[in-house]
Amino acid sequence: MAQAVIFAGFVVIGWIKLSEPIPELAAMWPWTGQLPEIVVRALGVVDIAGGVGIFLPALLRIRPGLTVLAALGCVALQICALVFHAWRGELAVAPVNLIFLALASLVLWGRRARPVAPR
């Protein structure tokens, strides 16, 4: 369940970062208007890769060990996001990052303790 939530959240948020014009993104998330566009778009790619990586390998049972690596990447991403937003004084967004951090940590721990067998 945690993997599906992370997949949906990361893919949707990543797609928004990739597809929306920067002025519209900045209206939702002010930091997106204050960073170079390439950084915002790259973060969209990272979000999508993390969401896909945490879900599909285990679901399809093709190289399911990649799920653990993706979960580790998602944990690192959320820690960086928390530090970034705290540095900018944007603590109102911290609960979202904390939820994704908790879910990714759960997947990381769970898939290390009970790995999915490959096909």
PDB file of N, CA and C in Angstrom:
ATOM      1  N   MET A   1       0.815  -1.194   0.000  1.00  0.00           N
ATOM      2  CA  MET A   1       0.000   0.000   0.000  1.00  0.00           C
ATOM      3  C   MET A   1       0.867   1.270   0.000  1.00  0.00           C
ATOM      4  N   ALA A   2       1.914   1.272   0.849  1.00  0.00           N
ATOM      5  CA  ALA A   2       2.798   2.442   0.911  1.00  0.00           C
ATOM      6  C   ALA A   2       3.466   2.686  -0.437  1.00  0.00           C
ATOM      7  N   GLN A   3       3.847   1.601  -1.109  1.00  0.00           N
ATOM      8  CA  GLN A   3       4.484   1.748  -2.413  1.00  0.00           C
ATOM      9  C   GLN A   3       3.524   2.378  -3.418  1.00  0.00           C
ATOM     10  N   ALA A   4       2.271   1.999  -3.390  1.00  0.00           N
ATOM     11  CA  ALA A   4       1.286   2.560  -4.320  1.00  0.00           C
ATOM     12  C   ALA A   4       1.053   4.044  -4.045  1.00  0.00           C
ATOM     13  N   VAL A   5       1.012   4.419  -2.782  1.00  0.00           N
ATOM     14  CA  VAL A   5       0.813   5.833  -2.425  1.00  0.00           C
ATOM     15  C   VAL A   5       2.007   6.664  -2.888  1.00  0.00           C
ATOM     16  N   ILE A   6       3.212   6.152  -2.643  1.00  0.00           N
ATOM     17  CA  ILE A   6       4.412   6.873  -3.093  1.00  0.00           C
ATOM     18  C   ILE A   6       4.430   6.969  -4.619  1.00  0.00           C
ATOM     19  N   PHE A   7       4.115   5.865  -5.278  1.00  0.00           N
ATOM     20  CA  PHE A   7       4.073   5.863  -6.741  1.00  0.00           C
ATOM     21  C   PHE A   7       3.127   6.953  -7.245  1.00  0.00           C
ATOM     22  N   ALA A   8       1.896   6.938  -6.755  1.00  0.00           N
ATOM     23  CA  ALA A   8       0.909   7.912  -7.223  1.00  0.00           C
ATOM     24  C   ALA A   8       1.340   9.343  -6.912  1.00  0.00           C
ATOM     25  N   GLY A   9       1.761   9.580  -5.685  1.00  0.00           N
ATOM     26  CA  GLY A   9       2.149  10.933  -5.294  1.00  0.00           C
ATOM     27  C   GLY A   9       3.351  11.447  -6.051  1.00  0.00           C
ATOM     28  N   PHE A  10       4.395  10.636  -6.149  1.00  0.00           N
ATOM     29  CA  PHE A  10       5.608  11.087  -6.821  1.00  0.00           C
ATOM     30  C   PHE A  10       5.388  11.276  -8.322  1.00  0.00           C
ATOM     31  N   VAL A  11       4.653  10.383  -8.930  1.00  0.00           N
ATOM     32  CA  VAL A  11       4.425  10.507 -10.377  1.00  0.00           C
ATOM     33  C   VAL A  11       3.567  11.741 -10.677  1.00  0.00           C
ATOM     34  N   VAL A  12       2.524  11.961  -9.899  1.00  0.00           N
ATOM     35  CA  VAL A  12       1.665  13.134 -10.134  1.00  0.00           C
ATOM     36  C   VAL A  12       2.447  14.422  -9.905  1.00  0.00           C
ATOM     37  N   ILE A  13       3.158  14.506  -8.788  1.00  0.00           N
ATOM     38  CA  ILE A  13       3.922  15.717  -8.493  1.00  0.00           C
ATOM     39  C   ILE A  13       5.037  15.922  -9.532  1.00  0.00           C
ATOM     40  N   GLY A  14       5.691  14.833  -9.916  1.00  0.00           N
ATOM     41  CA  GLY A  14       6.731  14.939 -10.939  1.00  0.00           C
ATOM     42  C   GLY A  14       6.182  15.405 -12.267  1.00  0.00           C
ATOM     43  N   TRP A  15       5.026  14.863 -12.649  1.00  0.00           N
ATOM     44  CA  TRP A  15       4.425  15.260 -13.919  1.00  0.00           C
ATOM     45  C   TRP A  15       4.051  16.741 -13.899  1.00  0.00           C
ATOM     46  N   ILE A  16       3.543  17.208 -12.767  1.00  0.00           N
ATOM     47  CA  ILE A  16       3.201  18.630 -12.648  1.00  0.00           C
ATOM     48  C   ILE A  16       4.456  19.483 -12.833  1.00  0.00           C
ATOM     49  N   LYS A  17       5.568  19.087 -12.191  1.00  0.00           N
ATOM     50  CA  LYS A  17       6.815  19.843 -12.322  1.00  0.00           C
ATOM     51  C   LYS A  17       7.347  19.828 -13.750  1.00  0.00           C
ATOM     52  N   LEU A  18       7.074  18.757 -14.478  1.00  0.00           N
ATOM     53  CA  LEU A  18       7.547  18.666 -15.858  1.00  0.00           C
ATOM     54  C   LEU A  18       6.652  19.388 -16.852  1.00  0.00           C
ATOM     55  N   SER A  19       5.365  19.391 -16.614  1.00  0.00           N
ATOM     56  CA  SER A  19       4.442  19.823 -17.655  1.00  0.00           C
ATOM     57  C   SER A  19       3.871  21.229 -17.489  1.00  0.00           C
ATOM     58  N   GLU A  20       3.812  21.719 -16.281  1.00  0.00           N
ATOM     59  CA  GLU A  20       3.199  23.036 -16.072  1.00  0.00           C
ATOM     60  C   GLU A  20       4.182  24.161 -16.359  1.00  0.00           C
ATOM     61  N   PRO A  21       3.701  25.260 -16.907  1.00  0.00           N
ATOM     62  CA  PRO A  21       4.578  26.425 -17.081  1.00  0.00           C
ATOM     63  C   PRO A  21       5.054  26.938 -15.716  1.00  0.00           C
ATOM     64  N   ILE A  22       6.244  27.451 -15.683  1.00  0.00           N
ATOM     65  CA  ILE A  22       6.841  27.906 -14.421  1.00  0.00           C
ATOM     66  C   ILE A  22       5.972  28.947 -13.704  1.00  0.00           C
ATOM     67  N   PRO A  23       5.378  29.921 -14.394  1.00  0.00           N
ATOM     68  CA  PRO A  23       4.530  30.881 -13.662  1.00  0.00           C
ATOM     69  C   PRO A  23       3.355  30.210 -12.929  1.00  0.00           C
ATOM     70  N   GLU A  24       2.773  29.178 -13.540  1.00  0.00           N
ATOM     71  CA  GLU A  24       1.686  28.461 -12.869  1.00  0.00           C
ATOM     72  C   GLU A  24       2.207  27.648 -11.693  1.00  0.00           C
ATOM     73  N   LEU A  25       3.378  27.040 -11.867  1.00  0.00           N
ATOM     74  CA  LEU A  25       3.991  26.306 -10.763  1.00  0.00           C
ATOM     75  C   LEU A  25       4.310  27.254  -9.610  1.00  0.00           C
ATOM     76  N   ALA A  26       4.841  28.428  -9.924  1.00  0.00           N
ATOM     77  CA  ALA A  26       5.224  29.393  -8.894  1.00  0.00           C
ATOM     78  C   ALA A  26       4.013  29.885  -8.107  1.00  0.00           C
ATOM     79  N   ALA A  27       2.838  29.877  -8.737  1.00  0.00           N
ATOM     80  CA  ALA A  27       1.625  30.256  -8.010  1.00  0.00           C
ATOM     81  C   ALA A  27       1.278  29.199  -6.959  1.00  0.00           C
ATOM     82  N   MET A  28       1.582  27.929  -7.254  1.00  0.00           N
ATOM     83  CA  MET A  28       1.318  26.839  -6.302  1.00  0.00           C
ATOM     84  C   MET A  28       2.461  26.695  -5.308  1.00  0.00           C
ATOM     85  N   TRP A  29       3.680  26.655  -5.846  1.00  0.00           N
ATOM     86  CA  TRP A  29       4.890  26.430  -5.065  1.00  0.00           C
ATOM     87  C   TRP A  29       5.866  27.558  -5.387  1.00  0.00           C
ATOM     88  N   PRO A  30       5.931  28.592  -4.558  1.00  0.00           N
ATOM     89  CA  PRO A  30       6.767  29.759  -4.877  1.00  0.00           C
ATOM     90  C   PRO A  30       8.229  29.438  -5.192  1.00  0.00           C
ATOM     91  N   TRP A  31       8.796  28.427  -4.565  1.00  0.00           N
ATOM     92  CA  TRP A  31      10.209  28.099  -4.801  1.00  0.00           C
ATOM     93  C   TRP A  31      10.484  27.750  -6.248  1.00  0.00           C
ATOM     94  N   THR A  32       9.469  27.240  -6.975  1.00  0.00           N
ATOM     95  CA  THR A  32       9.700  26.852  -8.368  1.00  0.00           C
ATOM     96  C   THR A  32       9.958  28.056  -9.267  1.00  0.00           C
ATOM     97  N   GLY A  33       9.484  29.198  -8.861  1.00  0.00           N
ATOM     98  CA  GLY A  33       9.736  30.408  -9.630  1.00  0.00           C
ATOM     99  C   GLY A  33      11.050  31.079  -9.280  1.00  0.00           C
ATOM    100  N   GLN A  34      11.715  30.570  -8.246  1.00  0.00           N
ATOM    101  CA  GLN A  34      12.949  31.190  -7.770  1.00  0.00           C
ATOM    102  C   GLN A  34      14.189  30.349  -8.073  1.00  0.00           C
ATOM    103  N   LEU A  35      13.991  29.232  -8.726  1.00  0.00           N
ATOM    104  CA  LEU A  35      15.105  28.370  -9.132  1.00  0.00           C
ATOM    105  C   LEU A  35      15.149  28.312 -10.659  1.00  0.00           C
ATOM    106  N   PRO A  36      16.286  27.967 -11.217  1.00  0.00           N
ATOM    107  CA  PRO A  36      16.337  27.808 -12.674  1.00  0.00           C
ATOM    108  C   PRO A  36      15.339  26.738 -13.132  1.00  0.00           C
ATOM    109  N   GLU A  37      14.746  26.965 -14.277  1.00  0.00           N
ATOM    110  CA  GLU A  37      13.748  26.026 -14.801  1.00  0.00           C
ATOM    111  C   GLU A  37      14.308  24.611 -14.926  1.00  0.00           C
ATOM    112  N   ILE A  38      15.545  24.477 -15.321  1.00  0.00           N
ATOM    113  CA  ILE A  38      16.149  23.155 -15.499  1.00  0.00           C
ATOM    114  C   ILE A  38      16.160  22.376 -14.182  1.00  0.00           C
ATOM    115  N   VAL A  39      16.324  23.065 -13.070  1.00  0.00           N
ATOM    116  CA  VAL A  39      16.312  22.408 -11.758  1.00  0.00           C
ATOM    117  C   VAL A  39      14.911  21.885 -11.448  1.00  0.00           C
ATOM    118  N   VAL A  40      13.914  22.702 -11.705  1.00  0.00           N
ATOM    119  CA  VAL A  40      12.523  22.294 -11.453  1.00  0.00           C
ATOM    120  C   VAL A  40      12.163  21.091 -12.320  1.00  0.00           C
ATOM    121  N   ARG A  41      12.514  21.158 -13.593  1.00  0.00           N
ATOM    122  CA  ARG A  41      12.201  20.052 -14.512  1.00  0.00           C
ATOM    123  C   ARG A  41      12.972  18.782 -14.121  1.00  0.00           C
ATOM    124  N   ALA A  42      14.232  18.946 -13.727  1.00  0.00           N
ATOM    125  CA  ALA A  42      15.028  17.783 -13.298  1.00  0.00           C
ATOM    126  C   ALA A  42      14.425  17.144 -12.052  1.00  0.00           C
ATOM    127  N   LEU A  43      13.938  17.964 -11.137  1.00  0.00           N
ATOM    128  CA  LEU A  43      13.280  17.408  -9.952  1.00  0.00           C
ATOM    129  C   LEU A  43      12.010  16.648 -10.330  1.00  0.00           C
ATOM    130  N   GLY A  44      11.333  17.092 -11.374  1.00  0.00           N
ATOM    131  CA  GLY A  44      10.176  16.345 -11.868  1.00  0.00           C
ATOM    132  C   GLY A  44      10.571  14.965 -12.357  1.00  0.00           C
ATOM    133  N   VAL A  45      11.678  14.897 -13.071  1.00  0.00           N
ATOM    134  CA  VAL A  45      12.184  13.600 -13.562  1.00  0.00           C
ATOM    135  C   VAL A  45      12.579  12.716 -12.379  1.00  0.00           C
ATOM    136  N   VAL A  46      13.250  13.295 -11.385  1.00  0.00           N
ATOM    137  CA  VAL A  46      13.661  12.534 -10.202  1.00  0.00           C
ATOM    138  C   VAL A  46      12.436  11.999  -9.462  1.00  0.00           C
ATOM    139  N   ASP A  47      11.418  12.831  -9.309  1.00  0.00           N
ATOM    140  CA  ASP A  47      10.186  12.384  -8.641  1.00  0.00           C
ATOM    141  C   ASP A  47       9.558  11.197  -9.373  1.00  0.00           C
ATOM    142  N   ILE A  48       9.429  11.311 -10.674  1.00  0.00           N
ATOM    143  CA  ILE A  48       8.814  10.229 -11.453  1.00  0.00           C
ATOM    144  C   ILE A  48       9.659   8.966 -11.369  1.00  0.00           C
ATOM    145  N   ALA A  49      10.969   9.113 -11.500  1.00  0.00           N
ATOM    146  CA  ALA A  49      11.848   7.942 -11.409  1.00  0.00           C
ATOM    147  C   ALA A  49      11.730   7.271 -10.040  1.00  0.00           C
ATOM    148  N   GLY A  50      11.664   8.063  -8.996  1.00  0.00           N
ATOM    149  CA  GLY A  50      11.515   7.499  -7.656  1.00  0.00           C
ATOM    150  C   GLY A  50      10.198   6.764  -7.484  1.00  0.00           C
ATOM    151  N   GLY A  51       9.119   7.376  -7.967  1.00  0.00           N
ATOM    152  CA  GLY A  51       7.812   6.734  -7.859  1.00  0.00           C
ATOM    153  C   GLY A  51       7.723   5.439  -8.639  1.00  0.00           C
ATOM    154  N   VAL A  52       8.233   5.460  -9.861  1.00  0.00           N
ATOM    155  CA  VAL A  52       8.218   4.253 -10.702  1.00  0.00           C
ATOM    156  C   VAL A  52       9.140   3.195 -10.104  1.00  0.00           C
ATOM    157  N   GLY A  53      10.303   3.616  -9.655  1.00  0.00           N
ATOM    158  CA  GLY A  53      11.282   2.679  -9.121  1.00  0.00           C
ATOM    159  C   GLY A  53      10.869   2.016  -7.827  1.00  0.00           C
ATOM    160  N   ILE A  54      10.061   2.701  -7.051  1.00  0.00           N
ATOM    161  CA  ILE A  54       9.650   2.126  -5.775  1.00  0.00           C
ATOM    162  C   ILE A  54       8.484   1.151  -5.946  1.00  0.00           C
ATOM    163  N   PHE A  55       7.827   1.206  -7.093  1.00  0.00           N
ATOM    164  CA  PHE A  55       6.605   0.426  -7.283  1.00  0.00           C
ATOM    165  C   PHE A  55       6.733  -0.694  -8.316  1.00  0.00           C
ATOM    166  N   LEU A  56       7.157  -0.349  -9.514  1.00  0.00           N
ATOM    167  CA  LEU A  56       7.104  -1.322 -10.615  1.00  0.00           C
ATOM    168  C   LEU A  56       8.032  -2.529 -10.480  1.00  0.00           C
ATOM    169  N   PRO A  57       9.293  -2.379 -10.039  1.00  0.00           N
ATOM    170  CA  PRO A  57      10.130  -3.585  -9.955  1.00  0.00           C
ATOM    171  C   PRO A  57       9.540  -4.664  -9.046  1.00  0.00           C
ATOM    172  N   ALA A  58       9.005  -4.261  -7.911  1.00  0.00           N
ATOM    173  CA  ALA A  58       8.405  -5.244  -7.002  1.00  0.00           C
ATOM    174  C   ALA A  58       7.094  -5.780  -7.567  1.00  0.00           C
ATOM    175  N   LEU A  59       6.304  -4.912  -8.162  1.00  0.00           N
ATOM    176  CA  LEU A  59       5.020  -5.336  -8.722  1.00  0.00           C
ATOM    177  C   LEU A  59       5.217  -6.341  -9.849  1.00  0.00           C
ATOM    178  N   LEU A  60       6.134  -6.030 -10.756  1.00  0.00           N
ATOM    179  CA  LEU A  60       6.373  -6.892 -11.916  1.00  0.00           C
ATOM    180  C   LEU A  60       7.341  -8.034 -11.611  1.00  0.00           C
ATOM    181  N   ARG A  61       7.987  -7.962 -10.455  1.00  0.00           N
ATOM    182  CA  ARG A  61       8.965  -8.959 -10.034  1.00  0.00           C
ATOM    183  C   ARG A  61      10.139  -9.069 -11.017  1.00  0.00           C
ATOM    184  N   ILE A  62      10.464  -7.937 -11.612  1.00  0.00           N
ATOM    185  CA  ILE A  62      11.624  -7.837 -12.493  1.00  0.00           C
ATOM    186  C   ILE A  62      12.634  -6.953 -11.785  1.00  0.00           C
ATOM    187  N   ARG A  63      13.741  -7.566 -11.372  1.00  0.00           N
ATOM    188  CA  ARG A  63      14.774  -6.866 -10.593  1.00  0.00           C
ATOM    189  C   ARG A  63      14.179  -6.147  -9.386  1.00  0.00           C
ATOM    190  N   PRO A  64      13.432  -6.861  -8.534  1.00  0.00           N
ATOM    191  CA  PRO A  64      12.751  -6.220  -7.401  1.00  0.00           C
ATOM    192  C   PRO A  64      13.692  -5.573  -6.392  1.00  0.00           C
ATOM    193  N   GLY A  65      14.978  -5.933  -6.435  1.00  0.00           N
ATOM    194  CA  GLY A  65      15.939  -5.271  -5.557  1.00  0.00           C
ATOM    195  C   GLY A  65      16.058  -3.781  -5.836  1.00  0.00           C
ATOM    196  N   LEU A  66      15.671  -3.366  -7.034  1.00  0.00           N
ATOM    197  CA  LEU A  66      15.699  -1.934  -7.364  1.00  0.00           C
ATOM    198  C   LEU A  66      14.725  -1.138  -6.504  1.00  0.00           C
ATOM    199  N   THR A  67      13.697  -1.812  -5.987  1.00  0.00           N
ATOM    200  CA  THR A  67      12.734  -1.134  -5.114  1.00  0.00           C
ATOM    201  C   THR A  67      13.432  -0.592  -3.874  1.00  0.00           C
ATOM    202  N   VAL A  68      14.357  -1.360  -3.320  1.00  0.00           N
ATOM    203  CA  VAL A  68      15.097  -0.921  -2.136  1.00  0.00           C
ATOM    204  C   VAL A  68      15.937   0.309  -2.463  1.00  0.00           C
ATOM    205  N   LEU A  69      16.595   0.289  -3.612  1.00  0.00           N
ATOM    206  CA  LEU A  69      17.410   1.446  -4.010  1.00  0.00           C
ATOM    207  C   LEU A  69      16.545   2.674  -4.261  1.00  0.00           C
ATOM    208  N   ALA A  70      15.396   2.473  -4.890  1.00  0.00           N
ATOM    209  CA  ALA A  70      14.490   3.599  -5.130  1.00  0.00           C
ATOM    210  C   ALA A  70      13.953   4.149  -3.814  1.00  0.00           C
ATOM    211  N   ALA A  71      13.651   3.267  -2.872  1.00  0.00           N
ATOM    212  CA  ALA A  71      13.172   3.723  -1.567  1.00  0.00           C
ATOM    213  C   ALA A  71      14.247   4.540  -0.857  1.00  0.00           C
ATOM    214  N   LEU A  72      15.500   4.086  -0.953  1.00  0.00           N
ATOM    215  CA  LEU A  72      16.604   4.836  -0.370  1.00  0.00           C
ATOM    216  C   LEU A  72      16.713   6.218  -1.017  1.00  0.00           C
ATOM    217  N   GLY A  73      16.572   6.266  -2.339  1.00  0.00           N
ATOM    218  CA  GLY A  73      16.592   7.544  -3.044  1.00  0.00           C
ATOM    219  C   GLY A  73      15.442   8.449  -2.629  1.00  0.00           C
ATOM    220  N   CYS A  74      14.266   7.875  -2.435  1.00  0.00           N
ATOM    221  CA  CYS A  74      13.103   8.669  -2.004  1.00  0.00           C
ATOM    222  C   CYS A  74      13.294   9.205  -0.590  1.00  0.00           C
ATOM    223  N   VAL A  75      13.903   8.407   0.293  1.00  0.00           N
ATOM    224  CA  VAL A  75      14.214   8.872   1.646  1.00  0.00           C
ATOM    225  C   VAL A  75      15.178  10.059   1.562  1.00  0.00           C
ATOM    226  N   ALA A  76      16.241   9.905   0.784  1.00  0.00           N
ATOM    227  CA  ALA A  76      17.218  10.987   0.639  1.00  0.00           C
ATOM    228  C   ALA A  76      16.572  12.240   0.052  1.00  0.00           C
ATOM    229  N   LEU A  77      15.721  12.057  -0.946  1.00  0.00           N
ATOM    230  CA  LEU A  77      15.041  13.193  -1.571  1.00  0.00           C
ATOM    231  C   LEU A  77      14.174  13.942  -0.565  1.00  0.00           C
ATOM    232  N   GLN A  78      13.448  13.212   0.265  1.00  0.00           N
ATOM    233  CA  GLN A  78      12.577  13.867   1.233  1.00  0.00           C
ATOM    234  C   GLN A  78      13.367  14.562   2.334  1.00  0.00           C
ATOM    235  N   ILE A  79      14.491  13.986   2.727  1.00  0.00           N
ATOM    236  CA  ILE A  79      15.341  14.668   3.713  1.00  0.00           C
ATOM    237  C   ILE A  79      15.864  15.974   3.119  1.00  0.00           C
ATOM    238  N   CYS A  80      16.311  15.920   1.874  1.00  0.00           N
ATOM    239  CA  CYS A  80      16.780  17.144   1.198  1.00  0.00           C
ATOM    240  C   CYS A  80      15.651  18.169   1.074  1.00  0.00           C
ATOM    241  N   ALA A  81      14.461  17.707   0.742  1.00  0.00           N
ATOM    242  CA  ALA A  81      13.318  18.614   0.616  1.00  0.00           C
ATOM    243  C   ALA A  81      12.988  19.269   1.962  1.00  0.00           C
ATOM    244  N   LEU A  82      13.038  18.488   3.032  1.00  0.00           N
ATOM    245  CA  LEU A  82      12.775  19.049   4.364  1.00  0.00           C
ATOM    246  C   LEU A  82      13.804  20.112   4.727  1.00  0.00           C
ATOM    247  N   VAL A  83      15.067  19.824   4.476  1.00  0.00           N
ATOM    248  CA  VAL A  83      16.123  20.797   4.768  1.00  0.00           C
ATOM    249  C   VAL A  83      15.942  22.053   3.918  1.00  0.00           C
ATOM    250  N   PHE A  84      15.670  21.869   2.631  1.00  0.00           N
ATOM    251  CA  PHE A  84      15.472  22.999   1.712  1.00  0.00           C
ATOM    252  C   PHE A  84      14.321  23.883   2.174  1.00  0.00           C
ATOM    253  N   HIS A  85      13.180  23.269   2.476  1.00  0.00           N
ATOM    254  CA  HIS A  85      12.013  24.061   2.875  1.00  0.00           C
ATOM    255  C   HIS A  85      12.204  24.701   4.247  1.00  0.00           C
ATOM    256  N   ALA A  86      12.874  24.012   5.166  1.00  0.00           N
ATOM    257  CA  ALA A  86      13.155  24.612   6.475  1.00  0.00           C
ATOM    258  C   ALA A  86      14.085  25.808   6.318  1.00  0.00           C
ATOM    259  N   TRP A  87      15.098  25.667   5.455  1.00  0.00           N
ATOM    260  CA  TRP A  87      16.039  26.759   5.201  1.00  0.00           C
ATOM    261  C   TRP A  87      15.324  27.982   4.647  1.00  0.00           C
ATOM    262  N   ARG A  88      14.303  27.734   3.830  1.00  0.00           N
ATOM    263  CA  ARG A  88      13.540  28.829   3.230  1.00  0.00           C
ATOM    264  C   ARG A  88      12.396  29.314   4.126  1.00  0.00           C
ATOM    265  N   GLY A  89      12.208  28.688   5.284  1.00  0.00           N
ATOM    266  CA  GLY A  89      11.124  29.090   6.184  1.00  0.00           C
ATOM    267  C   GLY A  89       9.758  28.615   5.722  1.00  0.00           C
ATOM    268  N   GLU A  90       9.724  27.572   4.908  1.00  0.00           N
ATOM    269  CA  GLU A  90       8.464  27.050   4.367  1.00  0.00           C
ATOM    270  C   GLU A  90       8.025  25.801   5.138  1.00  0.00           C
ATOM    271  N   LEU A  91       7.898  25.938   6.433  1.00  0.00           N
ATOM    272  CA  LEU A  91       7.581  24.782   7.271  1.00  0.00           C
ATOM    273  C   LEU A  91       6.153  24.287   7.079  1.00  0.00           C
ATOM    274  N   ALA A  92       5.317  25.061   6.424  1.00  0.00           N
ATOM    275  CA  ALA A  92       3.943  24.619   6.173  1.00  0.00           C
ATOM    276  C   ALA A  92       3.892  23.404   5.255  1.00  0.00           C
ATOM    277  N   VAL A  93       4.926  23.215   4.433  1.00  0.00           N
ATOM    278  CA  VAL A  93       4.936  22.058   3.526  1.00  0.00           C
ATOM    279  C   VAL A  93       5.610  20.840   4.146  1.00  0.00           C
ATOM    280  N   ALA A  94       6.197  21.001   5.319  1.00  0.00           N
ATOM    281  CA  ALA A  94       6.918  19.899   5.963  1.00  0.00           C
ATOM    282  C   ALA A  94       6.057  18.658   6.192  1.00  0.00           C
ATOM    283  N   PRO A  95       4.778  18.778   6.560  1.00  0.00           N
ATOM    284  CA  PRO A  95       3.988  17.551   6.772  1.00  0.00           C
ATOM    285  C   PRO A  95       3.932  16.643   5.546  1.00  0.00           C
ATOM    286  N   VAL A  96       3.853  17.210   4.365  1.00  0.00           N
ATOM    287  CA  VAL A  96       3.819  16.389   3.144  1.00  0.00           C
ATOM    288  C   VAL A  96       5.133  15.633   3.002  1.00  0.00           C
ATOM    289  N   ASN A  97       6.242  16.338   3.177  1.00  0.00           N
ATOM    290  CA  ASN A  97       7.550  15.689   3.088  1.00  0.00           C
ATOM    291  C   ASN A  97       7.732  14.640   4.181  1.00  0.00           C
ATOM    292  N   LEU A  98       7.236  14.918   5.375  1.00  0.00           N
ATOM    293  CA  LEU A  98       7.348  13.952   6.473  1.00  0.00           C
ATOM    294  C   LEU A  98       6.534  12.687   6.198  1.00  0.00           C
ATOM    295  N   ILE A  99       5.368  12.852   5.595  1.00  0.00           N
ATOM    296  CA  ILE A  99       4.545  11.683   5.254  1.00  0.00           C
ATOM    297  C   ILE A  99       5.256  10.830   4.210  1.00  0.00           C
ATOM    298  N   PHE A 100       5.768  11.462   3.153  1.00  0.00           N
ATOM    299  CA  PHE A 100       6.487  10.706   2.126  1.00  0.00           C
ATOM    300  C   PHE A 100       7.780  10.105   2.692  1.00  0.00           C
ATOM    301  N   LEU A 101       8.433  10.806   3.609  1.00  0.00           N
ATOM    302  CA  LEU A 101       9.635  10.269   4.255  1.00  0.00           C
ATOM    303  C   LEU A 101       9.288   9.022   5.063  1.00  0.00           C
ATOM    304  N   ALA A 102       8.210   9.086   5.815  1.00  0.00           N
ATOM    305  CA  ALA A 102       7.794   7.932   6.619  1.00  0.00           C
ATOM    306  C   ALA A 102       7.429   6.750   5.725  1.00  0.00           C
ATOM    307  N   LEU A 103       6.679   7.014   4.656  1.00  0.00           N
ATOM    308  CA  LEU A 103       6.284   5.936   3.750  1.00  0.00           C
ATOM    309  C   LEU A 103       7.497   5.313   3.056  1.00  0.00           C
ATOM    310  N   ALA A 104       8.394   6.155   2.572  1.00  0.00           N
ATOM    311  CA  ALA A 104       9.588   5.628   1.895  1.00  0.00           C
ATOM    312  C   ALA A 104      10.472   4.858   2.874  1.00  0.00           C
ATOM    313  N   SER A 105      10.569   5.332   4.113  1.00  0.00           N
ATOM    314  CA  SER A 105      11.345   4.615   5.125  1.00  0.00           C
ATOM    315  C   SER A 105      10.718   3.260   5.430  1.00  0.00           C
ATOM    316  N   LEU A 106       9.407   3.225   5.483  1.00  0.00           N
ATOM    317  CA  LEU A 106       8.689   1.971   5.707  1.00  0.00           C
ATOM    318  C   LEU A 106       8.963   0.978   4.574  1.00  0.00           C
ATOM    319  N   VAL A 107       8.900   1.461   3.343  1.00  0.00           N
ATOM    320  CA  VAL A 107       9.184   0.590   2.190  1.00  0.00           C
ATOM    321  C   VAL A 107      10.639   0.125   2.229  1.00  0.00           C
ATOM    322  N   LEU A 108      11.550   1.036   2.519  1.00  0.00           N
ATOM    323  CA  LEU A 108      12.965   0.681   2.593  1.00  0.00           C
ATOM    324  C   LEU A 108      13.183  -0.425   3.624  1.00  0.00           C
ATOM    325  N   TRP A 109      12.642  -0.239   4.809  1.00  0.00           N
ATOM    326  CA  TRP A 109      12.790  -1.244   5.865  1.00  0.00           C
ATOM    327  C   TRP A 109      12.079  -2.543   5.484  1.00  0.00           C
ATOM    328  N   GLY A 110      10.839  -2.416   5.004  1.00  0.00           N
ATOM    329  CA  GLY A 110      10.038  -3.605   4.697  1.00  0.00           C
ATOM    330  C   GLY A 110      10.603  -4.440   3.570  1.00  0.00           C
ATOM    331  N   ARG A 111      11.079  -3.813   2.517  1.00  0.00           N
ATOM    332  CA  ARG A 111      11.609  -4.564   1.370  1.00  0.00           C
ATOM    333  C   ARG A 111      13.005  -5.092   1.632  1.00  0.00           C
ATOM    334  N   ARG A 112      13.691  -4.553   2.627  1.00  0.00           N
ATOM    335  CA  ARG A 112      14.961  -5.168   3.033  1.00  0.00           C
ATOM    336  C   ARG A 112      14.681  -6.373   3.910  1.00  0.00           C
ATOM    337  N   ALA A 113      13.668  -6.256   4.786  1.00  0.00           N
ATOM    338  CA  ALA A 113      13.338  -7.359   5.692  1.00  0.00           C
ATOM    339  C   ALA A 113      12.632  -8.512   4.962  1.00  0.00           C
ATOM    340  N   ARG A 114      11.763  -8.149   4.013  1.00  0.00           N
ATOM    341  CA  ARG A 114      11.007  -9.148   3.254  1.00  0.00           C
ATOM    342  C   ARG A 114      11.083  -8.820   1.776  1.00  0.00           C
ATOM    343  N   PRO A 115      12.189  -9.157   1.126  1.00  0.00           N
ATOM    344  CA  PRO A 115      12.335  -8.825  -0.294  1.00  0.00           C
ATOM    345  C   PRO A 115      11.343  -9.608  -1.151  1.00  0.00           C
ATOM    346  N   VAL A 116      10.997  -9.032  -2.267  1.00  0.00           N
ATOM    347  CA  VAL A 116      10.152  -9.696  -3.253  1.00  0.00           C
ATOM    348  C   VAL A 116      11.054 -10.584  -4.093  1.00  0.00           C
ATOM    349  N   ALA A 117      10.625 -11.816  -4.298  1.00  0.00           N
ATOM    350  CA  ALA A 117      11.413 -12.756  -5.115  1.00  0.00           C
ATOM    351  C   ALA A 117      11.260 -12.417  -6.588  1.00  0.00           C
ATOM    352  N   PRO A 118      12.347 -12.457  -7.341  1.00  0.00           N
ATOM    353  CA  PRO A 118      12.240 -12.210  -8.787  1.00  0.00           C
ATOM    354  C   PRO A 118      11.541 -13.371  -9.477  1.00  0.00           C
ATOM    355  N   ARG A 119      11.106 -13.115 -10.691  1.00  0.00           N
ATOM    356  CA  ARG A 119      10.442 -14.175 -11.480  1.00  0.00           C
ATOM    357  C   ARG A 119      11.372 -15.290 -11.779  1.00  0.00           C
TER     358      ARG A 119
END
